[in-house]
Amino acid sequence: MSKAFIASVLQDSLECTGVAANRAAADLIDAIVHELKTSGGFTLPSFGTFTVRKTKARKALNPRTGEPVKVKAGKTVRFKASPSLKKDV
C-alpha cells in the first residue's frame, strides 16, 4: 500500500480533488507517525496494532565480504494484526 493508493481511495470516497486527497493522505500518515513517536503505539480497530520496540546493539556479518560489523541499538515498528483482519484475510 502506498500513499498514492490511500489518496486515490480517499478521492473516490470523498469525491474531492486529487490535491485535497494527497494532502489528507499525508496528514493521516503524519498523524500516525506522531502518535507512534509520542505514545509508542497506535491501534486501528478491526485492523491491528503498531508498536515501537527497541533493538539491542549487536554484531552482524557483512553479506558481501563476510566480515563482522557492529550494528547500533535503535528502534523498529512492529505490527500485530487483529483477529478480525486475520479472519478476513
Protein backbone atom coordinates (compact mmCIF):
# COMPACT_ATOMS: atom_id res chain seq x y z
CA MET A 1 0.00 0.00 0.00
CA SER A 2 1.34 3.39 -0.90
CA LYS A 3 0.46 7.00 -0.17
CA ALA A 4 -0.86 7.31 -3.74
CA PHE A 5 -3.18 4.34 -3.17
CA ILE A 6 -4.54 5.89 0.05
CA ALA A 7 -5.02 9.21 -1.75
CA SER A 8 -6.92 7.56 -4.60
CA VAL A 9 -9.22 5.73 -2.18
CA LEU A 10 -9.88 8.99 -0.32
CA GLN A 11 -10.51 10.82 -3.59
CA ASP A 12 -13.04 8.22 -4.75
CA SER A 13 -14.74 8.00 -1.36
CA LEU A 14 -14.96 11.73 -0.64
CA GLU A 15 -15.34 12.86 -4.26
CA CYS A 16 -12.70 15.52 -3.78
CA THR A 17 -9.79 16.75 -5.88
CA GLY A 18 -6.53 14.86 -6.14
CA VAL A 19 -4.66 17.65 -4.37
CA ALA A 20 -7.02 17.53 -1.38
CA ALA A 21 -6.82 13.71 -1.28
CA ASN A 22 -2.99 13.82 -1.34
CA ARG A 23 -2.98 16.38 1.46
CA ALA A 24 -5.38 14.25 3.52
CA ALA A 25 -3.26 11.12 2.97
CA ALA A 26 -0.10 12.98 4.00
CA ASP A 27 -1.84 14.35 7.11
CA LEU A 28 -3.06 10.86 8.02
CA ILE A 29 0.42 9.38 7.73
CA ASP A 30 1.93 12.28 9.70
CA ALA A 31 -0.65 11.79 12.47
CA ILE A 32 0.16 8.08 12.71
CA VAL A 33 3.91 8.77 12.86
CA HIS A 34 3.39 11.47 15.51
CA GLU A 35 1.30 9.08 17.62
CA LEU A 36 3.97 6.37 17.36
CA LYS A 37 6.64 8.86 18.44
CA THR A 38 4.71 10.25 21.40
CA SER A 39 2.95 7.20 22.84
CA GLY A 40 4.93 4.31 21.36
CA GLY A 41 1.86 2.63 19.89
CA PHE A 42 -1.10 3.04 17.62
CA THR A 43 -4.23 0.89 17.20
CA LEU A 44 -6.58 0.81 14.24
CA PRO A 45 -9.73 -1.06 15.32
CA SER A 46 -10.52 -4.09 13.14
CA PHE A 47 -7.07 -3.78 11.53
CA GLY A 48 -4.26 -4.13 14.06
CA THR A 49 -1.76 -2.55 16.42
CA PHE A 50 1.54 -0.85 15.65
CA THR A 51 4.11 -0.73 18.47
CA VAL A 52 7.58 0.76 18.75
CA ARG A 53 10.21 -1.60 20.12
CA LYS A 54 13.84 -1.02 20.99
CA THR A 55 16.54 -3.15 19.38
CA LYS A 56 19.79 -4.00 21.11
CA ALA A 57 23.23 -3.32 19.73
CA ARG A 58 24.59 -6.45 18.09
CA LYS A 59 27.23 -7.87 15.80
CA ALA A 60 26.24 -8.87 12.27
CA LEU A 61 28.03 -10.06 9.16
CA ASN A 62 28.51 -8.03 6.00
CA PRO A 63 26.90 -10.30 3.38
CA ARG A 64 29.28 -9.16 0.63
CA THR A 65 32.59 -9.53 2.47
CA GLY A 66 31.65 -11.79 5.38
CA GLU A 67 33.43 -9.61 7.93
CA PRO A 68 31.75 -8.73 11.25
CA VAL A 69 30.06 -5.34 11.59
CA LYS A 70 28.74 -3.59 14.69
CA VAL A 71 25.07 -2.58 14.49
CA LYS A 72 23.92 0.22 16.80
CA ALA A 73 20.90 -0.01 19.07
CA GLY A 74 17.77 1.55 17.61
CA LYS A 75 14.02 1.38 17.32
CA THR A 76 11.70 -0.51 14.99
CA VAL A 77 7.96 -0.64 14.40
CA ARG A 78 6.13 -3.94 14.86
CA PHE A 79 2.64 -4.80 13.66
CA LYS A 80 0.18 -7.28 15.12
CA ALA A 81 -2.93 -8.00 13.07
CA SER A 82 -6.31 -8.01 14.80
CA PRO A 83 -8.32 -11.25 14.93
CA SER A 84 -10.93 -9.83 12.54
CA LEU A 85 -8.22 -8.96 9.97
CA LYS A 86 -6.75 -12.45 10.27
CA LYS A 87 -10.22 -13.92 9.74
CA ASP A 88 -10.93 -11.75 6.66
CA VAL A 89 -7.57 -12.42 5.01
